[in-house]
């Protein structure tokens, strides 16, 4: 078994692979203050109901302050040194951007997953704390993309930086013209973000030329997919990217 951990700004998304199949998923809230001992206990607990322990561990992180404690906790829990995926990892993936070391581990993982799962020109839309667009060309090289503030982050910002606006849920409202403050917020959050996503996607595809495949992942992807026809849903894209990266780094090939 392989344990894959995607460390995001809001959550640590965890997947346990048996071969190429995910057999267990769970999440932890991201908190850089946690100790190695906390991570060792938290990661060990779910394996009490699984048959065996992971043979290997891989992670990608965009939260550097917790990396040392996480890596130490994972090694303490399973007795293996975890593999860290980063922009400097030798993955056979050219990062065709100005400063490659600035590319987040999640975006590297998404690019690897696109290369292996799509096999051609493709775009990943990742609905996380930020909504990111990641592009690979027909050779599988990473071209860059765009970053938007995520809808949930925008909802919190509207609540925290205004005196009277409540914290609204990001959902698909029945109408755009809201009849009270909550409806107005819901309409602006959903349809405003839908418009941004469509426009960024349209311009991204035009710059890439041809008709790239488009894959959506992340927590809010299912909410927006009905209004994004032709977009494929891969809820575990980043975790699969970590799995592929581990195989490339340790075995030189993927399956």
Protein backbone atom coordinates (compact mmCIF):
# COMPACT_ATOMS: atom_id res chain seq x y z
CA UNK A 1 0.00 0.00 0.00
CA UNK A 2 1.01 3.60 -0.65
CA UNK A 3 -0.06 6.48 1.60
CA UNK A 4 -0.38 9.80 -0.25
CA UNK A 5 -0.83 13.12 1.55
CA UNK A 6 -1.76 16.37 -0.20
CA UNK A 7 -1.04 19.22 2.22
CA UNK A 8 -3.23 22.19 1.34
CA UNK A 9 -3.83 25.51 3.05
CA UNK A 10 -7.15 24.35 4.51
CA UNK A 11 -6.90 20.55 4.73
CA UNK A 12 -4.53 17.62 4.48
CA UNK A 13 -6.20 15.27 1.99
CA UNK A 14 -5.09 11.68 2.51
CA UNK A 15 -5.48 8.64 0.28
CA UNK A 16 -4.40 5.02 0.74
CA UNK A 17 -3.65 3.21 -2.52
CA UNK A 18 -3.67 -0.51 -3.12
CA UNK A 19 -2.02 -0.59 -6.52
CA UNK A 20 -3.70 2.15 -8.56
CA UNK A 21 -6.95 2.08 -6.55
CA UNK A 22 -7.77 4.28 -3.57
CA UNK A 23 -9.11 2.14 -0.74
CA UNK A 24 -9.45 4.81 1.95
CA UNK A 25 -9.69 8.61 2.05
CA UNK A 26 -9.81 11.08 4.91
CA UNK A 27 -8.91 14.66 5.80
CA UNK A 28 -7.29 16.61 8.60
CA UNK A 29 -7.59 20.33 9.13
CA UNK A 30 -4.30 22.05 8.33
CA UNK A 31 -2.60 23.31 11.49
CA UNK A 32 1.17 24.07 11.42
CA UNK A 33 1.30 23.99 15.24
CA UNK A 34 0.83 20.21 15.45
CA UNK A 35 3.71 18.02 16.57
CA UNK A 36 5.32 14.95 15.01
CA UNK A 37 3.74 12.87 17.75
CA UNK A 38 0.28 14.17 16.85
CA UNK A 39 0.77 13.22 13.20
CA UNK A 40 2.10 9.77 14.15
CA UNK A 41 -1.01 9.04 16.22
CA UNK A 42 -3.44 10.57 13.73
CA UNK A 43 -2.09 8.65 10.75
CA UNK A 44 -1.80 5.35 12.59
CA UNK A 45 -5.40 5.28 13.84
CA UNK A 46 -7.20 4.70 10.48
CA UNK A 47 -4.96 1.70 9.72
CA UNK A 48 -6.47 -0.24 12.60
CA UNK A 49 -9.35 -1.07 10.24
CA UNK A 50 -7.16 -1.74 7.20
CA UNK A 51 -5.29 -4.93 6.40
CA UNK A 52 -1.68 -3.91 6.91
CA UNK A 53 0.39 -0.73 6.95
CA UNK A 54 1.67 1.30 3.99
CA UNK A 55 4.92 0.16 2.38
CA UNK A 56 5.67 3.71 1.25
CA UNK A 57 4.56 7.29 1.90
CA UNK A 58 4.53 10.29 -0.44
CA UNK A 59 3.44 13.84 0.22
CA UNK A 60 3.27 17.22 -1.44
CA UNK A 61 2.93 20.39 0.63
CA UNK A 62 2.17 24.06 0.09
CA UNK A 63 2.47 24.79 3.85
CA UNK A 64 6.23 24.69 4.64
CA UNK A 65 5.90 25.36 8.41
CA UNK A 66 4.35 21.94 9.02
CA UNK A 67 6.55 19.87 6.69
CA UNK A 68 9.21 18.86 9.24
CA UNK A 69 6.71 17.68 11.86
CA UNK A 70 4.63 15.88 9.23
CA UNK A 71 7.62 14.02 7.76
CA UNK A 72 8.88 13.05 11.23
CA UNK A 73 5.42 11.89 12.29
CA UNK A 74 4.94 9.77 9.17
CA UNK A 75 8.34 8.13 9.64
CA UNK A 76 7.57 7.46 13.31
CA UNK A 77 4.18 5.95 12.42
CA UNK A 78 5.26 3.64 9.60
CA UNK A 79 9.03 3.27 9.79
CA UNK A 80 9.61 4.57 6.26
CA UNK A 81 11.06 7.87 5.10
CA UNK A 82 8.34 9.76 3.23
CA UNK A 83 9.02 11.02 -0.28
CA UNK A 84 8.39 14.75 -0.75
CA UNK A 85 7.17 15.94 -4.15
CA UNK A 86 8.27 19.43 -5.12
CA UNK A 87 9.09 21.49 -8.23
CA UNK A 88 12.66 20.16 -8.05
CA UNK A 89 11.58 16.50 -8.16
CA UNK A 90 12.88 14.65 -11.23
CA UNK A 91 9.55 13.66 -12.77
CA UNK A 92 10.28 13.97 -16.48
CA UNK A 93 8.10 17.07 -16.42
CA UNK A 94 9.53 20.30 -17.82
CA UNK A 95 8.25 23.34 -15.92
CA UNK A 96 8.05 25.96 -18.67
CA UNK A 97 7.60 28.94 -16.34
CA UNK A 98 9.82 31.85 -15.29
CA UNK A 99 10.64 30.57 -11.79
CA UNK A 100 10.07 26.80 -11.58
CA UNK A 101 10.72 26.62 -7.82
CA UNK A 102 7.63 28.78 -7.23
CA UNK A 103 5.27 26.13 -8.63
CA UNK A 104 3.30 24.55 -5.77
CA UNK A 105 3.60 20.84 -5.07
CA UNK A 106 -0.14 20.46 -5.68
CA UNK A 107 0.20 21.99 -9.14
CA UNK A 108 3.16 19.75 -9.94
CA UNK A 109 1.11 16.74 -8.86
CA UNK A 110 -1.86 17.85 -10.94
CA UNK A 111 0.38 18.26 -13.98
CA UNK A 112 1.84 14.76 -13.52
CA UNK A 113 -1.68 13.35 -13.19
CA UNK A 114 -2.81 15.12 -16.37
CA UNK A 115 0.20 13.80 -18.25
CA UNK A 116 -0.43 10.20 -17.14
CA UNK A 117 -4.25 10.11 -17.09
CA UNK A 118 -5.12 12.31 -20.08
CA UNK A 119 -2.08 11.87 -22.27
CA UNK A 120 -2.30 15.08 -24.25
CA UNK A 121 -2.94 18.80 -24.06
CA UNK A 122 -5.00 19.38 -20.91
CA UNK A 123 -6.13 21.83 -18.23
CA UNK A 124 -6.84 21.05 -14.57
CA UNK A 125 -9.20 23.29 -12.60
CA UNK A 126 -8.58 22.70 -8.88
CA UNK A 127 -11.27 24.11 -6.57
CA UNK A 128 -9.43 24.55 -3.29
CA UNK A 129 -8.66 27.44 -0.94
CA UNK A 130 -7.54 29.02 -4.19
CA UNK A 131 -8.97 27.97 -7.54
CA UNK A 132 -6.05 27.11 -9.81
CA UNK A 133 -5.76 26.42 -13.51
CA UNK A 134 -2.84 24.18 -14.49
CA UNK A 135 -1.92 23.48 -18.11
CA UNK A 136 0.14 20.79 -19.80
CA UNK A 137 0.93 20.59 -23.50
CA UNK A 138 0.79 17.56 -25.80
CA UNK A 139 4.24 16.43 -24.52
CA UNK A 140 3.09 16.67 -20.92
CA UNK A 141 5.20 19.70 -20.07
CA UNK A 142 3.81 22.16 -17.53
CA UNK A 143 2.95 25.53 -19.07
CA UNK A 144 1.71 27.49 -16.05
CA UNK A 145 -1.83 28.70 -15.47
CA UNK A 146 -3.91 31.06 -13.36
CA UNK A 147 -4.82 31.46 -9.68
CA UNK A 148 -8.12 32.84 -8.35
CA UNK A 149 -9.27 33.32 -4.78
CA UNK A 150 -11.49 30.31 -4.04
CA UNK A 151 -15.25 30.83 -3.55
CA UNK A 152 -15.20 29.80 0.12
CA UNK A 153 -12.28 32.15 0.73
CA UNK A 154 -14.20 34.97 -0.97
CA UNK A 155 -17.25 34.26 1.19
CA UNK A 156 -15.12 34.50 4.34
CA UNK A 157 -13.47 37.71 3.12
CA UNK A 158 -16.86 39.35 2.49
CA UNK A 159 -17.94 38.41 6.00
CA UNK A 160 -14.73 39.43 7.76
CA UNK A 161 -14.09 42.72 5.96
CA UNK A 162 -17.61 44.13 6.08
CA UNK A 163 -19.66 45.19 9.08
CA UNK A 164 -23.04 43.67 8.20
CA UNK A 165 -22.60 40.90 5.64
CA UNK A 166 -23.10 37.37 7.04
CA UNK A 167 -21.01 34.35 6.11
CA UNK A 168 -22.82 32.89 3.12
CA UNK A 169 -22.77 29.32 1.86
CA UNK A 170 -21.35 28.75 -1.62
CA UNK A 171 -24.20 27.02 -3.44
CA UNK A 172 -26.11 27.26 -6.70
CA UNK A 173 -29.08 29.59 -6.07
CA UNK A 174 -32.31 29.45 -8.04
CA UNK A 175 -31.93 33.01 -9.33
CA UNK A 176 -29.37 35.72 -9.81
CA UNK A 177 -31.50 38.56 -8.44
CA UNK A 178 -31.37 37.97 -4.70
CA UNK A 179 -34.28 39.07 -2.53
CA UNK A 180 -32.34 39.40 0.72
CA UNK A 181 -28.70 39.79 1.74
CA UNK A 182 -27.97 36.06 1.90
CA UNK A 183 -29.51 35.44 -1.54
CA UNK A 184 -27.53 38.33 -2.97
CA UNK A 185 -24.31 36.92 -1.57
CA UNK A 186 -25.08 33.41 -2.82
CA UNK A 187 -25.87 34.71 -6.29
CA UNK A 188 -22.72 36.79 -6.47
CA UNK A 189 -20.49 34.02 -5.19
CA UNK A 190 -21.82 31.28 -7.46
CA UNK A 191 -22.54 33.11 -10.70
CA UNK A 192 -19.63 35.49 -10.29
CA UNK A 193 -17.23 32.59 -9.91
CA UNK A 194 -18.89 30.67 -12.71
CA UNK A 195 -18.30 33.65 -14.99
CA UNK A 196 -14.65 33.92 -13.92
CA UNK A 197 -14.07 30.21 -14.41
CA UNK A 198 -15.63 30.22 -17.87
CA UNK A 199 -13.68 33.27 -19.01
CA UNK A 200 -10.32 32.09 -17.67
CA UNK A 201 -10.97 28.67 -19.19
CA UNK A 202 -11.93 30.15 -22.57
CA UNK A 203 -8.84 32.32 -22.76
CA UNK A 204 -6.56 29.55 -21.47
CA UNK A 205 -7.79 27.11 -24.11
CA UNK A 206 -7.36 29.75 -26.82
CA UNK A 207 -3.77 30.44 -25.78
CA UNK A 208 -3.00 26.72 -25.78
CA UNK A 209 -4.46 26.23 -29.25
CA UNK A 210 -6.57 23.29 -30.30
CA UNK A 211 -9.06 21.81 -27.86
CA UNK A 212 -7.36 20.75 -24.64
CA UNK A 213 -9.12 18.28 -22.36
CA UNK A 214 -10.39 19.88 -19.15
CA UNK A 215 -10.43 18.11 -15.78
CA UNK A 216 -11.94 19.46 -12.56
CA UNK A 217 -10.93 18.46 -9.05
CA UNK A 218 -11.21 19.81 -5.51
CA UNK A 219 -14.03 20.14 -3.01
CA UNK A 220 -16.31 22.51 -4.94
CA UNK A 221 -15.84 20.91 -8.35
CA UNK A 222 -19.16 18.95 -8.20
CA UNK A 223 -21.05 22.18 -7.47
CA UNK A 224 -19.84 23.94 -10.63
CA UNK A 225 -19.66 20.96 -13.01
CA UNK A 226 -23.33 21.08 -14.14
CA UNK A 227 -22.63 24.53 -15.60
CA UNK A 228 -19.31 23.47 -17.17
CA UNK A 229 -20.29 21.05 -19.94
CA UNK A 230 -17.53 18.86 -21.31
CA UNK A 231 -15.40 19.14 -18.17
CA UNK A 232 -14.37 15.77 -16.73
CA UNK A 233 -14.47 15.19 -12.98
CA UNK A 234 -11.47 13.58 -11.27
CA UNK A 235 -11.97 14.06 -7.51
CA UNK A 236 -8.64 12.46 -6.60
CA UNK A 237 -6.50 14.05 -9.32
CA UNK A 238 -3.86 15.44 -6.93
CA UNK A 239 -3.56 12.19 -4.95
CA UNK A 240 -3.14 10.23 -8.17
CA UNK A 241 -0.49 12.73 -9.22
CA UNK A 242 1.38 12.00 -5.99
CA UNK A 243 1.07 8.26 -6.69
CA UNK A 244 2.47 8.67 -10.19
CA UNK A 245 5.26 10.91 -8.87
CA UNK A 246 6.25 8.28 -6.31
CA UNK A 247 6.40 5.60 -9.00
CA UNK A 248 8.52 7.78 -11.26
CA UNK A 249 10.93 8.74 -8.49
CA UNK A 250 11.40 5.20 -7.19
CA UNK A 251 10.77 2.97 -10.18
CA UNK A 252 11.29 5.22 -13.18
CA UNK A 253 7.96 4.30 -14.75
CA UNK A 254 4.22 4.52 -14.19
CA UNK A 255 1.29 2.21 -14.65
